[in-house]
Amino acid sequence: MTKNGPKVIVVMPAYNAEKTLEKTVADIPAGSVAEIIVVDDCSKDGTVALAKKLGLTVIVHQKNLGYGGNQKTCYREALKRGADVVVMIHPDYQYDARLTPMMTGLIALGVCEFVLGNRVRTRWEALDGGMPWWKYLANRVLSLIENAVTGQNLGEWHSGLRAYSRNVLETIPWERNSDDFVFDQQFLYQAAAFRLKMGDIPVSARYFPEASSINFRRSVVYGTSSMWVMVQYILYRLGIWTADIFRPKSAGG
């Protein structure tokens, strides 16, 4: 981040990230961000103590709000602190935080308003990085359908590494989204619905024991929920029915 450049804030939705938080933070290039906010969702380990020791801004939920609920706190805080660009990085070291300035640079240049990390540049890279074959297959099939439905051309629709311009967060009614994992899918369909400029950059897949990942049962629930969001989007585009998540912020707050 240059002295006169946009104010970049990294947000980290955290849950039991003590083993990986420090490595994730260390990978963020020095001087590329103004602040790092860790929002802890009732971790049972030493995540909060470590985040404070590292000098990060720490917000602790009094009760577990879920992955989507955690993000809502992240974005409220980042906007309140004057962020021009917000980067969400999972503190479990699953994504390469070294890419932060590349992602924010695309936004600063006006090339994109919303940038995702793409873990599936090639099949062998994703699988060699530890992505389970069934997750890879589901990711490919869903992403293909989702691109076709929305007219986008994203490498994958299921990445947790994301950077947003302030305009994105002020346009999308993300406060109405689910508090669960489908929040991410709702956000993407909302961005497509509001015709925001999306793009992605390649990022390595990292699957290892300490990296958070939902199990097969939760993945099935997530996939089913994602398909329902797709149906809502199609109905919205056809003018048949507008779900609340696709109504502008001015319509209902």
C-alpha atoms as a PDB file:
ATOM      1  CA  MET A   1       0.000   0.000   0.000  1.00  0.00           C
ATOM      2  CA  THR A   2       1.431   3.331  -1.021  1.00  0.00           C
ATOM      3  CA  LYS A   3       1.312   6.344   1.256  1.00  0.00           C
ATOM      4  CA  ASN A   4      -1.437   7.964  -0.797  1.00  0.00           C
ATOM      5  CA  GLY A   5      -3.055   4.719  -1.957  1.00  0.00           C
ATOM      6  CA  PRO A   6      -6.290   3.107  -0.829  1.00  0.00           C
ATOM      7  CA  LYS A   7      -6.660   2.045   2.793  1.00  0.00           C
ATOM      8  CA  VAL A   8      -6.471  -1.752   2.783  1.00  0.00           C
ATOM      9  CA  ILE A   9      -7.798  -3.729   5.732  1.00  0.00           C
ATOM     10  CA  VAL A  10      -7.457  -7.502   6.057  1.00  0.00           C
ATOM     11  CA  VAL A  11     -10.209  -9.325   7.913  1.00  0.00           C
ATOM     12  CA  MET A  12      -9.808 -12.822   9.298  1.00  0.00           C
ATOM     13  CA  PRO A  13     -12.897 -14.782  10.391  1.00  0.00           C
ATOM     14  CA  ALA A  14     -11.295 -17.031  13.004  1.00  0.00           C
ATOM     15  CA  TYR A  15     -12.261 -20.215  14.795  1.00  0.00           C
ATOM     16  CA  ASN A  16      -9.602 -22.343  16.518  1.00  0.00           C
ATOM     17  CA  ALA A  17      -6.786 -20.887  14.402  1.00  0.00           C
ATOM     18  CA  GLU A  18      -4.024 -20.798  17.034  1.00  0.00           C
ATOM     19  CA  LYS A  19      -1.766 -23.221  15.134  1.00  0.00           C
ATOM     20  CA  THR A  20      -1.870 -21.342  11.830  1.00  0.00           C
ATOM     21  CA  LEU A  21      -2.646 -17.689  12.563  1.00  0.00           C
ATOM     22  CA  GLU A  22       0.940 -16.498  12.976  1.00  0.00           C
ATOM     23  CA  LYS A  23       2.102 -18.141   9.730  1.00  0.00           C
ATOM     24  CA  THR A  24      -0.808 -16.598   7.851  1.00  0.00           C
ATOM     25  CA  VAL A  25      -0.094 -13.114   9.189  1.00  0.00           C
ATOM     26  CA  ALA A  26       3.639 -13.458   8.474  1.00  0.00           C
ATOM     27  CA  ASP A  27       2.897 -14.097   4.787  1.00  0.00           C
ATOM     28  CA  ILE A  28       1.105 -10.772   4.299  1.00  0.00           C
ATOM     29  CA  PRO A  29       3.726  -8.511   2.665  1.00  0.00           C
ATOM     30  CA  ALA A  30       4.945  -5.754   4.965  1.00  0.00           C
ATOM     31  CA  GLY A  31       3.397  -2.382   4.220  1.00  0.00           C
ATOM     32  CA  SER A  32       0.652  -3.803   1.991  1.00  0.00           C
ATOM     33  CA  VAL A  33      -2.168  -3.364   4.523  1.00  0.00           C
ATOM     34  CA  ALA A  34      -3.121  -0.726   7.074  1.00  0.00           C
ATOM     35  CA  GLU A  35      -4.709  -3.053   9.614  1.00  0.00           C
ATOM     36  CA  ILE A  36      -5.519  -6.708  10.273  1.00  0.00           C
ATOM     37  CA  ILE A  37      -8.763  -7.480  12.080  1.00  0.00           C
ATOM     38  CA  VAL A  38      -9.310 -10.909  13.633  1.00  0.00           C
ATOM     39  CA  VAL A  39     -12.902 -11.727  14.527  1.00  0.00           C
ATOM     40  CA  ASP A  40     -12.961 -14.732  16.836  1.00  0.00           C
ATOM     41  CA  ASP A  41     -16.111 -16.853  16.811  1.00  0.00           C
ATOM     42  CA  CYS A  42     -15.768 -18.412  20.279  1.00  0.00           C
ATOM     43  CA  SER A  43     -12.584 -20.397  19.681  1.00  0.00           C
ATOM     44  CA  LYS A  44     -11.717 -23.064  22.222  1.00  0.00           C
ATOM     45  CA  ASP A  45      -7.947 -22.622  21.820  1.00  0.00           C
ATOM     46  CA  GLY A  46      -5.530 -19.714  22.209  1.00  0.00           C
ATOM     47  CA  THR A  47      -6.480 -17.836  19.030  1.00  0.00           C
ATOM     48  CA  VAL A  48      -7.492 -14.644  20.837  1.00  0.00           C
ATOM     49  CA  ALA A  49      -4.397 -14.493  23.049  1.00  0.00           C
ATOM     50  CA  LEU A  50      -2.096 -15.079  20.085  1.00  0.00           C
ATOM     51  CA  ALA A  51      -3.839 -12.449  17.929  1.00  0.00           C
ATOM     52  CA  LYS A  52      -3.420  -9.881  20.699  1.00  0.00           C
ATOM     53  CA  LYS A  53       0.231 -10.869  21.133  1.00  0.00           C
ATOM     54  CA  LEU A  54       0.764 -10.275  17.408  1.00  0.00           C
ATOM     55  CA  GLY A  55      -0.639  -6.763  17.784  1.00  0.00           C
ATOM     56  CA  LEU A  56      -3.722  -7.383  15.663  1.00  0.00           C
ATOM     57  CA  THR A  57      -7.109  -5.787  16.156  1.00  0.00           C
ATOM     58  CA  VAL A  58      -9.215  -8.432  17.900  1.00  0.00           C
ATOM     59  CA  ILE A  59     -12.995  -8.688  18.192  1.00  0.00           C
ATOM     60  CA  VAL A  60     -14.472 -11.586  20.166  1.00  0.00           C
ATOM     61  CA  HIS A  61     -18.013 -12.870  19.713  1.00  0.00           C
ATOM     62  CA  GLN A  62     -19.834 -13.683  22.927  1.00  0.00           C
ATOM     63  CA  LYS A  63     -21.568 -16.573  21.167  1.00  0.00           C
ATOM     64  CA  ASN A  64     -20.780 -18.543  18.029  1.00  0.00           C
ATOM     65  CA  LEU A  65     -22.424 -16.813  15.056  1.00  0.00           C
ATOM     66  CA  GLY A  66     -21.247 -19.144  12.297  1.00  0.00           C
ATOM     67  CA  TYR A  67     -19.012 -18.537   9.279  1.00  0.00           C
ATOM     68  CA  GLY A  68     -21.370 -16.090   7.597  1.00  0.00           C
ATOM     69  CA  GLY A  69     -22.154 -14.327  10.854  1.00  0.00           C
ATOM     70  CA  ASN A  70     -18.437 -13.921  11.481  1.00  0.00           C
ATOM     71  CA  GLN A  71     -17.949 -12.300   8.073  1.00  0.00           C
ATOM     72  CA  LYS A  72     -20.730  -9.832   8.780  1.00  0.00           C
ATOM     73  CA  THR A  73     -18.833  -8.596  11.834  1.00  0.00           C
ATOM     74  CA  CYS A  74     -15.620  -8.463   9.770  1.00  0.00           C
ATOM     75  CA  TYR A  75     -17.148  -6.237   7.095  1.00  0.00           C
ATOM     76  CA  ARG A  76     -18.969  -3.956   9.514  1.00  0.00           C
ATOM     77  CA  GLU A  77     -15.746  -3.311  11.380  1.00  0.00           C
ATOM     78  CA  ALA A  78     -13.663  -2.783   8.242  1.00  0.00           C
ATOM     79  CA  LEU A  79     -16.135  -0.258   6.839  1.00  0.00           C
ATOM     80  CA  LYS A  80     -16.382   1.488  10.188  1.00  0.00           C
ATOM     81  CA  ARG A  81     -12.594   1.845  10.218  1.00  0.00           C
ATOM     82  CA  GLY A  82     -12.552   3.517   6.807  1.00  0.00           C
ATOM     83  CA  ALA A  83     -11.392   0.688   4.547  1.00  0.00           C
ATOM     84  CA  ASP A  84     -11.246   1.407   0.809  1.00  0.00           C
ATOM     85  CA  VAL A  85     -10.394  -2.224   0.065  1.00  0.00           C
ATOM     86  CA  VAL A  86     -11.166  -5.231   2.266  1.00  0.00           C
ATOM     87  CA  VAL A  87      -9.355  -8.557   1.911  1.00  0.00           C
ATOM     88  CA  MET A  88     -10.744 -11.672   3.576  1.00  0.00           C
ATOM     89  CA  ILE A  89      -8.053 -14.205   4.427  1.00  0.00           C
ATOM     90  CA  HIS A  90      -8.822 -17.362   6.387  1.00  0.00           C
ATOM     91  CA  PRO A  91      -6.339 -17.595   9.268  1.00  0.00           C
ATOM     92  CA  ASP A  92      -5.979 -21.368   8.807  1.00  0.00           C
ATOM     93  CA  TYR A  93      -3.144 -20.966   6.251  1.00  0.00           C
ATOM     94  CA  GLN A  94      -5.197 -22.613   3.519  1.00  0.00           C
ATOM     95  CA  TYR A  95      -4.737 -19.624   1.190  1.00  0.00           C
ATOM     96  CA  ASP A  96      -1.558 -17.818   0.159  1.00  0.00           C
ATOM     97  CA  ALA A  97      -1.633 -14.415   1.886  1.00  0.00           C
ATOM     98  CA  ARG A  98       1.412 -13.273  -0.150  1.00  0.00           C
ATOM     99  CA  LEU A  99      -1.025 -12.495  -2.974  1.00  0.00           C
ATOM    100  CA  THR A 100      -2.668  -9.687  -1.000  1.00  0.00           C
ATOM    101  CA  PRO A 101      -1.023  -6.774  -2.880  1.00  0.00           C
ATOM    102  CA  MET A 102      -1.748  -8.384  -6.264  1.00  0.00           C
ATOM    103  CA  MET A 103      -5.419  -8.681  -5.421  1.00  0.00           C
ATOM    104  CA  THR A 104      -5.720  -5.183  -4.011  1.00  0.00           C
ATOM    105  CA  GLY A 105      -3.747  -3.811  -6.956  1.00  0.00           C
ATOM    106  CA  LEU A 106      -6.370  -5.044  -9.412  1.00  0.00           C
ATOM    107  CA  ILE A 107      -8.983  -3.181  -7.398  1.00  0.00           C
ATOM    108  CA  ALA A 108      -6.893  -0.021  -7.025  1.00  0.00           C
ATOM    109  CA  LEU A 109      -6.394   0.080 -10.804  1.00  0.00           C
ATOM    110  CA  GLY A 110     -10.109  -0.281 -11.413  1.00  0.00           C
ATOM    111  CA  VAL A 111      -9.668  -3.565 -13.283  1.00  0.00           C
ATOM    112  CA  CYS A 112     -11.890  -5.410 -10.796  1.00  0.00           C
ATOM    113  CA  GLU A 113     -14.122  -4.552  -7.878  1.00  0.00           C
ATOM    114  CA  PHE A 114     -14.137  -8.081  -6.480  1.00  0.00           C
ATOM    115  CA  VAL A 115     -11.177 -10.492  -6.762  1.00  0.00           C
ATOM    116  CA  LEU A 116     -11.097 -14.170  -5.784  1.00  0.00           C
ATOM    117  CA  GLY A 117      -8.273 -16.654  -5.416  1.00  0.00           C
ATOM    118  CA  ASN A 118      -8.614 -19.563  -7.861  1.00  0.00           C
ATOM    119  CA  ARG A 119      -7.320 -22.878  -6.447  1.00  0.00           C
ATOM    120  CA  VAL A 120      -8.138 -24.972  -9.499  1.00  0.00           C
ATOM    121  CA  ARG A 121      -5.952 -23.564 -12.257  1.00  0.00           C
ATOM    122  CA  THR A 122      -5.181 -27.181 -13.146  1.00  0.00           C
ATOM    123  CA  ARG A 123      -6.571 -30.482 -11.889  1.00  0.00           C
ATOM    124  CA  TRP A 124      -3.197 -31.826 -10.776  1.00  0.00           C
ATOM    125  CA  GLU A 125      -2.322 -28.707  -8.800  1.00  0.00           C
ATOM    126  CA  ALA A 126      -5.595 -28.865  -6.883  1.00  0.00           C
ATOM    127  CA  LEU A 127      -5.308 -32.588  -6.150  1.00  0.00           C
ATOM    128  CA  ASP A 128      -1.577 -32.418  -5.376  1.00  0.00           C
ATOM    129  CA  GLY A 129      -2.419 -29.622  -2.926  1.00  0.00           C
ATOM    130  CA  GLY A 130      -4.573 -32.082  -1.014  1.00  0.00           C
ATOM    131  CA  MET A 131      -8.042 -31.143  -2.256  1.00  0.00           C
ATOM    132  CA  PRO A 132     -10.190 -34.292  -1.891  1.00  0.00           C
ATOM    133  CA  TRP A 133     -11.249 -35.663  -5.277  1.00  0.00           C
ATOM    134  CA  TRP A 134     -14.948 -35.368  -4.429  1.00  0.00           C
ATOM    135  CA  LYS A 135     -14.492 -31.697  -3.487  1.00  0.00           C
ATOM    136  CA  TYR A 136     -12.598 -31.066  -6.694  1.00  0.00           C
ATOM    137  CA  LEU A 137     -15.322 -32.728  -8.768  1.00  0.00           C
ATOM    138  CA  ALA A 138     -18.123 -30.852  -6.988  1.00  0.00           C
ATOM    139  CA  ASN A 139     -16.208 -27.580  -7.331  1.00  0.00           C
ATOM    140  CA  ARG A 140     -15.709 -28.072 -11.075  1.00  0.00           C
ATOM    141  CA  VAL A 141     -19.292 -29.091 -11.819  1.00  0.00           C
ATOM    142  CA  LEU A 142     -20.894 -26.372  -9.691  1.00  0.00           C
ATOM    143  CA  SER A 143     -18.534 -23.658 -10.936  1.00  0.00           C
ATOM    144  CA  LEU A 144     -19.256 -24.599 -14.569  1.00  0.00           C
ATOM    145  CA  ILE A 145     -23.007 -24.337 -13.992  1.00  0.00           C
ATOM    146  CA  GLU A 146     -22.702 -21.164 -11.933  1.00  0.00           C
ATOM    147  CA  ASN A 147     -20.639 -19.441 -14.617  1.00  0.00           C
ATOM    148  CA  ALA A 148     -23.144 -20.464 -17.295  1.00  0.00           C
ATOM    149  CA  VAL A 149     -26.112 -19.203 -15.277  1.00  0.00           C
ATOM    150  CA  THR A 150     -24.569 -15.838 -14.382  1.00  0.00           C
ATOM    151  CA  GLY A 151     -22.488 -15.136 -17.491  1.00  0.00           C
ATOM    152  CA  GLN A 152     -19.291 -14.990 -15.455  1.00  0.00           C
ATOM    153  CA  ASN A 153     -15.992 -16.737 -16.218  1.00  0.00           C
ATOM    154  CA  LEU A 154     -14.500 -17.371 -12.788  1.00  0.00           C
ATOM    155  CA  GLY A 155     -12.013 -20.186 -12.239  1.00  0.00           C
ATOM    156  CA  GLU A 156     -13.943 -21.307  -9.191  1.00  0.00           C
ATOM    157  CA  TRP A 157     -16.954 -20.155  -7.213  1.00  0.00           C
ATOM    158  CA  HIS A 158     -15.954 -21.687  -3.887  1.00  0.00           C
ATOM    159  CA  SER A 159     -12.845 -19.829  -2.824  1.00  0.00           C
ATOM    160  CA  GLY A 160     -12.520 -18.243   0.604  1.00  0.00           C
ATOM    161  CA  LEU A 161      -9.761 -15.828  -0.462  1.00  0.00           C
ATOM    162  CA  ARG A 162     -11.504 -12.615  -1.522  1.00  0.00           C
ATOM    163  CA  ALA A 163     -10.840  -8.900  -1.936  1.00  0.00           C
ATOM    164  CA  TYR A 164     -13.557  -6.271  -2.262  1.00  0.00           C
ATOM    165  CA  SER A 165     -13.710  -2.594  -3.014  1.00  0.00           C
ATOM    166  CA  ARG A 166     -15.659  -0.496  -0.536  1.00  0.00           C
ATOM    167  CA  ASN A 167     -18.307  -0.028  -3.214  1.00  0.00           C
ATOM    168  CA  VAL A 168     -18.952  -3.780  -3.297  1.00  0.00           C
ATOM    169  CA  LEU A 169     -19.630  -3.917   0.432  1.00  0.00           C
ATOM    170  CA  GLU A 170     -21.785  -0.806   0.266  1.00  0.00           C
ATOM    171  CA  THR A 171     -23.808  -2.126  -2.695  1.00  0.00           C
ATOM    172  CA  ILE A 172     -24.443  -5.767  -1.802  1.00  0.00           C
ATOM    173  CA  PRO A 173     -27.046  -6.381   0.961  1.00  0.00           C
ATOM    174  CA  TRP A 174     -24.834  -9.003   2.629  1.00  0.00           C
ATOM    175  CA  GLU A 175     -26.398  -8.280   6.019  1.00  0.00           C
ATOM    176  CA  ARG A 176     -29.418 -10.316   4.839  1.00  0.00           C
ATOM    177  CA  ASN A 177     -27.353 -13.354   3.938  1.00  0.00           C
ATOM    178  CA  SER A 178     -27.131 -16.630   5.831  1.00  0.00           C
ATOM    179  CA  ASP A 179     -24.909 -16.965   8.902  1.00  0.00           C
ATOM    180  CA  ASP A 180     -23.729 -20.339   7.565  1.00  0.00           C
ATOM    181  CA  PHE A 181     -21.251 -21.310   4.837  1.00  0.00           C
ATOM    182  CA  VAL A 182     -23.646 -20.512   1.975  1.00  0.00           C
ATOM    183  CA  PHE A 183     -23.007 -16.817   2.756  1.00  0.00           C
ATOM    184  CA  ASP A 184     -20.123 -16.936   0.256  1.00  0.00           C
ATOM    185  CA  GLN A 185     -22.333 -18.209  -2.557  1.00  0.00           C
ATOM    186  CA  GLN A 186     -25.034 -15.669  -1.845  1.00  0.00           C
ATOM    187  CA  PHE A 187     -22.411 -12.922  -1.987  1.00  0.00           C
ATOM    188  CA  LEU A 188     -21.192 -14.067  -5.406  1.00  0.00           C
ATOM    189  CA  TYR A 189     -24.682 -14.270  -6.880  1.00  0.00           C
ATOM    190  CA  GLN A 190     -25.424 -10.841  -5.448  1.00  0.00           C
ATOM    191  CA  ALA A 191     -22.299  -9.453  -7.104  1.00  0.00           C
ATOM    192  CA  ALA A 192     -23.445 -10.966 -10.397  1.00  0.00           C
ATOM    193  CA  ALA A 193     -26.973  -9.597  -9.925  1.00  0.00           C
ATOM    194  CA  PHE A 194     -25.661  -6.073  -9.314  1.00  0.00           C
ATOM    195  CA  ARG A 195     -23.236  -6.388 -12.251  1.00  0.00           C
ATOM    196  CA  LEU A 196     -20.083  -5.749 -10.249  1.00  0.00           C
ATOM    197  CA  LYS A 197     -16.740  -6.419 -11.945  1.00  0.00           C
ATOM    198  CA  MET A 198     -15.364  -9.766 -10.749  1.00  0.00           C
ATOM    199  CA  GLY A 199     -12.089 -11.506 -11.543  1.00  0.00           C
ATOM    200  CA  ASP A 200      -9.643 -13.994 -10.066  1.00  0.00           C
ATOM    201  CA  ILE A 201      -5.976 -14.897  -9.758  1.00  0.00           C
ATOM    202  CA  PRO A 202      -4.398 -18.336  -9.328  1.00  0.00           C
ATOM    203  CA  VAL A 203      -3.612 -19.473  -5.796  1.00  0.00           C
ATOM    204  CA  SER A 204      -2.274 -22.808  -4.599  1.00  0.00           C
ATOM    205  CA  ALA A 205      -4.573 -25.289  -2.881  1.00  0.00           C
ATOM    206  CA  ARG A 206      -3.502 -26.171   0.653  1.00  0.00           C
ATOM    207  CA  TYR A 207      -5.266 -28.974   2.478  1.00  0.00           C
ATOM    208  CA  PHE A 208      -3.666 -30.263   5.677  1.00  0.00           C
ATOM    209  CA  PRO A 209      -4.899 -31.324   9.145  1.00  0.00           C
ATOM    210  CA  GLU A 210      -4.781 -27.832  10.709  1.00  0.00           C
ATOM    211  CA  ALA A 211      -6.616 -26.172   7.802  1.00  0.00           C
ATOM    212  CA  SER A 212     -10.340 -25.806   8.433  1.00  0.00           C
ATOM    213  CA  SER A 213     -12.579 -27.665   6.009  1.00  0.00           C
ATOM    214  CA  ILE A 214     -16.189 -28.783   6.177  1.00  0.00           C
ATOM    215  CA  ASN A 215     -16.824 -32.530   6.129  1.00  0.00           C
ATOM    216  CA  PHE A 216     -18.744 -34.493   3.511  1.00  0.00           C
ATOM    217  CA  ARG A 217     -22.142 -34.117   5.216  1.00  0.00           C
ATOM    218  CA  ARG A 218     -21.747 -30.348   5.627  1.00  0.00           C
ATOM    219  CA  SER A 219     -20.489 -30.148   2.044  1.00  0.00           C
ATOM    220  CA  VAL A 220     -23.689 -31.794   0.819  1.00  0.00           C
ATOM    221  CA  VAL A 221     -25.768 -29.272   2.792  1.00  0.00           C
ATOM    222  CA  TYR A 222     -23.619 -26.458   1.379  1.00  0.00           C
ATOM    223  CA  GLY A 223     -24.001 -27.750  -2.181  1.00  0.00           C
ATOM    224  CA  THR A 224     -27.768 -28.077  -1.819  1.00  0.00           C
ATOM    225  CA  SER A 225     -28.014 -24.572  -0.359  1.00  0.00           C
ATOM    226  CA  SER A 226     -25.873 -23.239  -3.217  1.00  0.00           C
ATOM    227  CA  MET A 227     -28.264 -24.727  -5.763  1.00  0.00           C
ATOM    228  CA  TRP A 228     -31.184 -23.020  -4.032  1.00  0.00           C
ATOM    229  CA  VAL A 229     -29.388 -19.679  -4.261  1.00  0.00           C
ATOM    230  CA  MET A 230     -28.913 -20.369  -7.972  1.00  0.00           C
ATOM    231  CA  VAL A 231     -32.657 -20.955  -8.369  1.00  0.00           C
ATOM    232  CA  GLN A 232     -33.339 -17.688  -6.551  1.00  0.00           C
ATOM    233  CA  TYR A 233     -30.949 -15.895  -8.895  1.00  0.00           C
ATOM    234  CA  ILE A 234     -32.609 -17.367 -11.994  1.00  0.00           C
ATOM    235  CA  LEU A 235     -36.066 -16.345 -10.770  1.00  0.00           C
ATOM    236  CA  TYR A 236     -34.723 -12.859 -10.066  1.00  0.00           C
ATOM    237  CA  ARG A 237     -33.198 -12.526 -13.541  1.00  0.00           C
ATOM    238  CA  LEU A 238     -36.421 -13.748 -15.157  1.00  0.00           C
ATOM    239  CA  GLY A 239     -38.432 -11.182 -13.199  1.00  0.00           C
ATOM    240  CA  ILE A 240     -40.583 -13.887 -11.604  1.00  0.00           C
ATOM    241  CA  TRP A 241     -39.611 -13.416  -7.953  1.00  0.00           C
ATOM    242  CA  THR A 242     -37.026 -11.363  -6.109  1.00  0.00           C
ATOM    243  CA  ALA A 243     -35.600 -12.925  -2.973  1.00  0.00           C
ATOM    244  CA  ASP A 244     -34.710 -10.486  -0.211  1.00  0.00           C
ATOM    245  CA  ILE A 245     -30.961 -10.985  -0.778  1.00  0.00           C
ATOM    246  CA  PHE A 246     -31.325  -9.496  -4.266  1.00  0.00           C
ATOM    247  CA  ARG A 247     -33.209  -6.390  -3.220  1.00  0.00           C
ATOM    248  CA  PRO A 248     -31.075  -3.221  -3.135  1.00  0.00           C
ATOM    249  CA  LYS A 249     -29.993  -2.013   0.277  1.00  0.00           C
ATOM    250  CA  SER A 250     -32.436   0.866   0.039  1.00  0.00           C
ATOM    251  CA  ALA A 251     -35.261  -1.683  -0.166  1.00  0.00           C
ATOM    252  CA  GLY A 252     -35.545  -2.987   3.357  1.00  0.00           C
ATOM    253  CA  GLY A 253     -32.243  -1.710   4.767  1.00  0.00           C
END
